Amino acid sequence: MLEKIIISEYMSSHVLSVKPETQAIIAINQLLEHKITCAPVVDSSGKVLGMFSEIDCMNVVLETSYNQGMSGNVADYMNTELNSVDADSSIVDLAEKFKTCCVRSFPVFKDNELVGVVSRTDILKALVSI
């Protein structure tokens, strides 16, 4: 039964995104304020350029510690290797992907358009809903 549940049924469709020119500290505060682990980085036309995640935030913290000051934009730290999933894919397939990958969330696309973000927690919600 779980294999028939698709990602779009459990993803977050209200996506916080950040611009590459956003100061890293501002983006970190946005992630914390919204209690999320990552945000897609989009350009002015809405094209997804990458993801800014907790791991990227840790890099900001480390660099700040080493350099004794906060500097840099999201573009300086974001991951440009876009690992995404399709909205119509199975939750079970996504669970397999999470099992072999260290990321906690994936951007979700439908017809090449960003439609949401799905996390490990979303998978667990699907599991307990059946």
N, C-alpha and C. Protein backbone atom coordinates (compact mmCIF):
# COMPACT_ATOMS: atom_id res chain seq x y z
N MET A 1 0.82 -1.20 0.00
CA MET A 1 0.00 0.00 0.00
C MET A 1 0.87 1.27 0.00
N LEU A 2 1.95 1.25 0.76
CA LEU A 2 2.83 2.40 0.84
C LEU A 2 3.44 2.75 -0.51
N GLU A 3 3.71 1.74 -1.34
CA GLU A 3 4.33 1.99 -2.63
C GLU A 3 3.43 2.77 -3.59
N LYS A 4 2.14 2.86 -3.28
CA LYS A 4 1.20 3.61 -4.14
C LYS A 4 1.11 5.08 -3.75
N ILE A 5 1.69 5.44 -2.63
CA ILE A 5 1.68 6.83 -2.20
C ILE A 5 2.78 7.58 -2.94
N ILE A 6 2.43 8.72 -3.53
CA ILE A 6 3.41 9.50 -4.29
C ILE A 6 3.90 10.70 -3.48
N ILE A 7 5.05 11.17 -3.84
CA ILE A 7 5.73 12.25 -3.11
C ILE A 7 4.86 13.50 -2.98
N SER A 8 4.14 13.86 -4.03
CA SER A 8 3.35 15.10 -4.00
C SER A 8 2.28 15.09 -2.91
N GLU A 9 1.90 13.91 -2.42
CA GLU A 9 0.90 13.83 -1.36
C GLU A 9 1.44 14.24 0.00
N TYR A 10 2.75 14.19 0.17
CA TYR A 10 3.35 14.46 1.48
C TYR A 10 4.42 15.55 1.48
N MET A 11 4.79 16.08 0.34
CA MET A 11 5.82 17.12 0.28
C MET A 11 5.28 18.44 0.83
N SER A 12 6.17 19.33 1.15
CA SER A 12 5.80 20.70 1.52
C SER A 12 5.73 21.51 0.24
N SER A 13 4.56 22.04 -0.06
CA SER A 13 4.42 22.80 -1.30
C SER A 13 4.68 24.29 -1.10
N HIS A 14 4.72 24.73 0.14
CA HIS A 14 5.05 26.13 0.43
C HIS A 14 6.55 26.18 0.69
N VAL A 15 7.28 26.55 -0.35
CA VAL A 15 8.74 26.46 -0.30
C VAL A 15 9.37 27.82 -0.03
N LEU A 16 10.22 27.84 1.00
CA LEU A 16 11.06 29.02 1.23
C LEU A 16 12.26 28.87 0.32
N SER A 17 12.51 29.87 -0.51
CA SER A 17 13.70 29.84 -1.36
C SER A 17 14.54 31.06 -1.03
N VAL A 18 15.81 30.99 -1.38
CA VAL A 18 16.73 32.11 -1.16
C VAL A 18 17.43 32.44 -2.48
N LYS A 19 17.90 33.65 -2.56
CA LYS A 19 18.64 34.11 -3.73
C LYS A 19 20.13 33.88 -3.50
N PRO A 20 20.90 33.68 -4.56
CA PRO A 20 22.33 33.45 -4.38
C PRO A 20 23.05 34.64 -3.75
N GLU A 21 22.54 35.83 -3.95
CA GLU A 21 23.19 37.03 -3.41
C GLU A 21 22.78 37.34 -1.95
N THR A 22 21.87 36.55 -1.38
CA THR A 22 21.47 36.73 0.01
C THR A 22 22.66 36.48 0.92
N GLN A 23 22.85 37.33 1.92
CA GLN A 23 23.93 37.11 2.88
C GLN A 23 23.68 35.77 3.59
N ALA A 24 24.74 35.00 3.77
CA ALA A 24 24.63 33.66 4.35
C ALA A 24 23.96 33.70 5.72
N ILE A 25 24.31 34.66 6.56
CA ILE A 25 23.74 34.74 7.90
C ILE A 25 22.23 34.99 7.85
N ILE A 26 21.78 35.75 6.88
CA ILE A 26 20.34 35.99 6.73
C ILE A 26 19.65 34.69 6.32
N ALA A 27 20.24 33.95 5.40
CA ALA A 27 19.66 32.68 4.97
C ALA A 27 19.61 31.68 6.13
N ILE A 28 20.66 31.65 6.94
CA ILE A 28 20.68 30.77 8.11
C ILE A 28 19.53 31.12 9.05
N ASN A 29 19.35 32.40 9.30
CA ASN A 29 18.24 32.83 10.16
C ASN A 29 16.88 32.45 9.58
N GLN A 30 16.74 32.50 8.26
CA GLN A 30 15.48 32.11 7.63
C GLN A 30 15.22 30.61 7.82
N LEU A 31 16.26 29.79 7.65
CA LEU A 31 16.10 28.34 7.87
C LEU A 31 15.66 28.08 9.31
N LEU A 32 16.32 28.73 10.25
CA LEU A 32 15.98 28.54 11.66
C LEU A 32 14.57 29.02 11.98
N GLU A 33 14.22 30.18 11.45
CA GLU A 33 12.90 30.75 11.70
C GLU A 33 11.78 29.85 11.18
N HIS A 34 12.00 29.24 10.02
CA HIS A 34 10.98 28.38 9.42
C HIS A 34 11.11 26.91 9.84
N LYS A 35 12.11 26.62 10.67
CA LYS A 35 12.34 25.26 11.18
C LYS A 35 12.46 24.24 10.05
N ILE A 36 13.31 24.61 9.06
CA ILE A 36 13.56 23.72 7.93
C ILE A 36 15.06 23.46 7.81
N THR A 37 15.40 22.41 7.08
CA THR A 37 16.80 21.99 6.99
C THR A 37 17.50 22.49 5.73
N CYS A 38 16.74 22.98 4.75
CA CYS A 38 17.36 23.48 3.53
C CYS A 38 16.38 24.35 2.77
N ALA A 39 16.92 25.07 1.79
CA ALA A 39 16.10 25.90 0.92
C ALA A 39 16.69 25.90 -0.48
N PRO A 40 15.83 25.81 -1.50
CA PRO A 40 16.34 25.94 -2.86
C PRO A 40 16.89 27.35 -3.08
N VAL A 41 17.95 27.43 -3.85
CA VAL A 41 18.53 28.71 -4.23
C VAL A 41 18.05 28.99 -5.65
N VAL A 42 17.36 30.11 -5.84
CA VAL A 42 16.78 30.42 -7.14
C VAL A 42 17.27 31.77 -7.65
N ASP A 43 17.35 31.88 -8.97
CA ASP A 43 17.74 33.17 -9.56
C ASP A 43 16.50 34.04 -9.73
N SER A 44 16.67 35.21 -10.32
CA SER A 44 15.56 36.16 -10.45
C SER A 44 14.42 35.66 -11.33
N SER A 45 14.70 34.67 -12.19
CA SER A 45 13.63 34.11 -13.03
C SER A 45 13.00 32.87 -12.40
N GLY A 46 13.45 32.50 -11.21
CA GLY A 46 12.88 31.35 -10.52
C GLY A 46 13.56 30.03 -10.82
N LYS A 47 14.63 30.06 -11.61
CA LYS A 47 15.36 28.83 -11.92
C LYS A 47 16.15 28.37 -10.70
N VAL A 48 16.06 27.08 -10.38
CA VAL A 48 16.77 26.53 -9.23
C VAL A 48 18.24 26.34 -9.59
N LEU A 49 19.11 26.97 -8.80
CA LEU A 49 20.55 26.92 -9.04
C LEU A 49 21.25 25.92 -8.13
N GLY A 50 20.61 25.58 -7.03
CA GLY A 50 21.20 24.66 -6.06
C GLY A 50 20.38 24.66 -4.79
N MET A 51 21.02 24.14 -3.72
CA MET A 51 20.37 24.07 -2.42
C MET A 51 21.31 24.66 -1.36
N PHE A 52 20.72 25.31 -0.38
CA PHE A 52 21.45 25.83 0.77
C PHE A 52 20.93 25.06 1.98
N SER A 53 21.80 24.23 2.58
CA SER A 53 21.37 23.31 3.62
C SER A 53 22.11 23.54 4.94
N GLU A 54 21.74 22.73 5.93
CA GLU A 54 22.41 22.80 7.22
C GLU A 54 23.91 22.56 7.11
N ILE A 55 24.30 21.67 6.23
CA ILE A 55 25.73 21.41 6.03
C ILE A 55 26.43 22.67 5.52
N ASP A 56 25.79 23.37 4.61
CA ASP A 56 26.34 24.63 4.12
C ASP A 56 26.43 25.65 5.25
N CYS A 57 25.44 25.63 6.12
CA CYS A 57 25.45 26.54 7.28
C CYS A 57 26.63 26.22 8.20
N MET A 58 26.93 24.94 8.37
CA MET A 58 28.08 24.55 9.19
C MET A 58 29.38 25.09 8.57
N ASN A 59 29.45 25.09 7.26
CA ASN A 59 30.63 25.66 6.58
C ASN A 59 30.75 27.16 6.85
N VAL A 60 29.61 27.85 6.92
CA VAL A 60 29.62 29.27 7.26
C VAL A 60 30.16 29.45 8.67
N VAL A 61 29.68 28.63 9.59
CA VAL A 61 30.13 28.71 10.99
C VAL A 61 31.64 28.48 11.08
N LEU A 62 32.13 27.45 10.41
CA LEU A 62 33.55 27.14 10.46
C LEU A 62 34.40 28.26 9.86
N GLU A 63 33.96 28.76 8.71
CA GLU A 63 34.73 29.84 8.09
C GLU A 63 34.72 31.09 8.96
N THR A 64 33.59 31.37 9.58
CA THR A 64 33.49 32.51 10.48
C THR A 64 34.45 32.35 11.66
N SER A 65 34.51 31.13 12.17
CA SER A 65 35.41 30.84 13.29
C SER A 65 36.87 31.05 12.90
N TYR A 66 37.22 30.57 11.72
CA TYR A 66 38.61 30.69 11.27
C TYR A 66 38.99 32.11 10.92
N ASN A 67 38.07 32.84 10.33
CA ASN A 67 38.36 34.19 9.84
C ASN A 67 37.98 35.29 10.81
N GLN A 68 37.41 34.95 11.94
CA GLN A 68 37.03 35.92 12.97
C GLN A 68 36.04 36.96 12.45
N GLY A 69 35.18 36.58 11.51
CA GLY A 69 34.18 37.51 11.02
C GLY A 69 33.24 36.83 10.05
N MET A 70 32.02 37.34 9.98
CA MET A 70 30.99 36.77 9.12
C MET A 70 31.04 37.47 7.76
N SER A 71 31.12 36.68 6.72
CA SER A 71 31.05 37.26 5.38
C SER A 71 30.56 36.19 4.42
N GLY A 72 30.19 36.63 3.27
CA GLY A 72 29.80 35.70 2.23
C GLY A 72 28.30 35.64 1.98
N ASN A 73 28.00 35.25 0.78
CA ASN A 73 26.62 35.10 0.34
C ASN A 73 26.29 33.62 0.20
N VAL A 74 25.03 33.34 0.02
CA VAL A 74 24.57 31.97 -0.19
C VAL A 74 25.35 31.31 -1.33
N ALA A 75 25.60 32.05 -2.41
CA ALA A 75 26.32 31.51 -3.57
C ALA A 75 27.70 30.99 -3.21
N ASP A 76 28.29 31.54 -2.16
CA ASP A 76 29.63 31.12 -1.74
C ASP A 76 29.62 29.76 -1.05
N TYR A 77 28.47 29.31 -0.58
CA TYR A 77 28.39 28.09 0.23
C TYR A 77 27.44 27.03 -0.31
N MET A 78 26.49 27.39 -1.13
CA MET A 78 25.44 26.46 -1.57
C MET A 78 26.01 25.28 -2.35
N ASN A 79 25.23 24.22 -2.38
CA ASN A 79 25.57 23.03 -3.17
C ASN A 79 24.90 23.18 -4.53
N THR A 80 25.69 23.19 -5.58
CA THR A 80 25.13 23.36 -6.93
C THR A 80 24.83 22.03 -7.61
N GLU A 81 25.19 20.94 -6.96
CA GLU A 81 24.87 19.61 -7.49
C GLU A 81 23.43 19.30 -7.10
N LEU A 82 22.51 19.56 -8.01
CA LEU A 82 21.09 19.46 -7.71
C LEU A 82 20.61 18.01 -7.77
N ASN A 83 20.30 17.47 -6.63
CA ASN A 83 19.78 16.12 -6.50
C ASN A 83 18.30 16.26 -6.18
N SER A 84 17.43 15.96 -7.13
CA SER A 84 16.00 16.22 -6.97
C SER A 84 15.18 14.95 -7.19
N VAL A 85 13.88 15.07 -6.93
CA VAL A 85 12.95 13.96 -7.14
C VAL A 85 11.73 14.47 -7.91
N ASP A 86 11.03 13.53 -8.53
CA ASP A 86 9.82 13.85 -9.28
C ASP A 86 8.60 13.73 -8.38
N ALA A 87 7.68 14.66 -8.50
CA ALA A 87 6.48 14.71 -7.67
C ALA A 87 5.64 13.44 -7.75
N ASP A 88 5.70 12.74 -8.87
CA ASP A 88 4.88 11.54 -9.05
C ASP A 88 5.59 10.25 -8.68
N SER A 89 6.79 10.35 -8.13
CA SER A 89 7.54 9.16 -7.71
C SER A 89 6.95 8.60 -6.42
N SER A 90 7.21 7.34 -6.20
CA SER A 90 6.73 6.63 -5.01
C SER A 90 7.50 7.04 -3.76
N ILE A 91 6.79 7.10 -2.65
CA ILE A 91 7.42 7.35 -1.35
C ILE A 91 8.44 6.26 -1.04
N VAL A 92 8.16 5.03 -1.44
CA VAL A 92 9.09 3.92 -1.20
C VAL A 92 10.40 4.14 -1.97
N ASP A 93 10.29 4.56 -3.23
CA ASP A 93 11.50 4.87 -4.01
C ASP A 93 12.30 5.98 -3.35
N LEU A 94 11.60 6.97 -2.81
CA LEU A 94 12.27 8.07 -2.13
C LEU A 94 12.95 7.58 -0.85
N ALA A 95 12.32 6.69 -0.13
CA ALA A 95 12.93 6.13 1.08
C ALA A 95 14.24 5.44 0.73
N GLU A 96 14.26 4.72 -0.39
CA GLU A 96 15.50 4.08 -0.85
C GLU A 96 16.57 5.12 -1.15
N LYS A 97 16.16 6.21 -1.77
CA LYS A 97 17.10 7.28 -2.11
C LYS A 97 17.67 7.92 -0.84
N PHE A 98 16.81 8.16 0.15
CA PHE A 98 17.27 8.73 1.41
C PHE A 98 18.25 7.79 2.11
N LYS A 99 18.01 6.50 1.98
CA LYS A 99 18.85 5.51 2.65
C LYS A 99 20.29 5.55 2.15
N THR A 100 20.47 5.92 0.89
CA THR A 100 21.81 5.91 0.30
C THR A 100 22.42 7.31 0.16
N CYS A 101 21.74 8.32 0.69
CA CYS A 101 22.19 9.70 0.52
C CYS A 101 22.20 10.40 1.88
N CYS A 102 23.10 11.33 2.05
CA CYS A 102 23.22 12.00 3.35
C CYS A 102 22.31 13.23 3.49
N VAL A 103 21.65 13.66 2.42
CA VAL A 103 20.80 14.85 2.52
C VAL A 103 19.51 14.52 3.28
N ARG A 104 18.94 15.54 3.88
CA ARG A 104 17.72 15.35 4.66
C ARG A 104 16.46 15.76 3.91
N SER A 105 16.63 16.49 2.80
CA SER A 105 15.50 16.96 2.01
C SER A 105 15.89 17.05 0.54
N PHE A 106 14.90 16.88 -0.32
CA PHE A 106 15.11 17.00 -1.76
C PHE A 106 14.12 18.01 -2.33
N PRO A 107 14.55 18.80 -3.32
CA PRO A 107 13.58 19.61 -4.06
C PRO A 107 12.74 18.69 -4.93
N VAL A 108 11.48 19.03 -5.10
CA VAL A 108 10.54 18.21 -5.86
C VAL A 108 10.13 18.97 -7.12
N PHE A 109 10.24 18.29 -8.26
CA PHE A 109 9.90 18.90 -9.54
C PHE A 109 8.76 18.15 -10.21
N LYS A 110 7.97 18.89 -10.96
CA LYS A 110 6.94 18.31 -11.84
C LYS A 110 7.01 19.09 -13.14
N ASP A 111 7.21 18.37 -14.22
CA ASP A 111 7.35 19.01 -15.54
C ASP A 111 8.42 20.10 -15.51
N ASN A 112 9.57 19.79 -14.91
CA ASN A 112 10.73 20.69 -14.82
C ASN A 112 10.48 21.97 -14.03
N GLU A 113 9.44 21.98 -13.20
CA GLU A 113 9.15 23.14 -12.38
C GLU A 113 9.20 22.74 -10.91
N LEU A 114 9.83 23.58 -10.08
CA LEU A 114 9.90 23.33 -8.65
C LEU A 114 8.49 23.44 -8.06
N VAL A 115 8.04 22.36 -7.40
CA VAL A 115 6.70 22.37 -6.81
C VAL A 115 6.70 22.12 -5.31
N GLY A 116 7.87 21.79 -4.75
CA GLY A 116 7.92 21.55 -3.32
C GLY A 116 9.27 21.05 -2.86
N VAL A 117 9.29 20.69 -1.58
CA VAL A 117 10.46 20.07 -0.96
C VAL A 117 9.94 18.92 -0.11
N VAL A 118 10.65 17.81 -0.14
CA VAL A 118 10.24 16.64 0.64
C VAL A 118 11.39 16.24 1.56
N SER A 119 11.06 15.90 2.80
CA SER A 119 12.06 15.56 3.80
C SER A 119 11.86 14.14 4.31
N ARG A 120 12.83 13.69 5.09
CA ARG A 120 12.72 12.38 5.74
C ARG A 120 11.49 12.34 6.64
N THR A 121 11.21 13.44 7.31
CA THR A 121 10.04 13.51 8.19
C THR A 121 8.76 13.31 7.40
N ASP A 122 8.70 13.85 6.18
CA ASP A 122 7.51 13.67 5.34
C ASP A 122 7.28 12.19 5.03
N ILE A 123 8.35 11.44 4.83
CA ILE A 123 8.24 10.00 4.57
C ILE A 123 7.65 9.29 5.80
N LEU A 124 8.13 9.69 6.96
CA LEU A 124 7.62 9.08 8.19
C LEU A 124 6.15 9.40 8.39
N LYS A 125 5.74 10.59 8.03
CA LYS A 125 4.31 10.96 8.12
C LYS A 125 3.47 10.07 7.20
N ALA A 126 4.00 9.77 6.01
CA ALA A 126 3.29 8.88 5.09
C ALA A 126 3.16 7.49 5.69
N LEU A 127 4.22 7.03 6.33
CA LEU A 127 4.22 5.70 6.93
C LEU A 127 3.17 5.56 8.01
N VAL A 128 3.07 6.53 8.90
CA VAL A 128 2.11 6.42 10.00
C VAL A 128 0.67 6.73 9.57
N SER A 129 0.50 7.24 8.36
CA SER A 129 -0.85 7.58 7.90
C SER A 129 -1.61 6.37 7.34
N ILE A 130 -0.89 5.29 7.06
CA ILE A 130 -1.59 4.14 6.46
C ILE A 130 -2.21 3.23 7.48
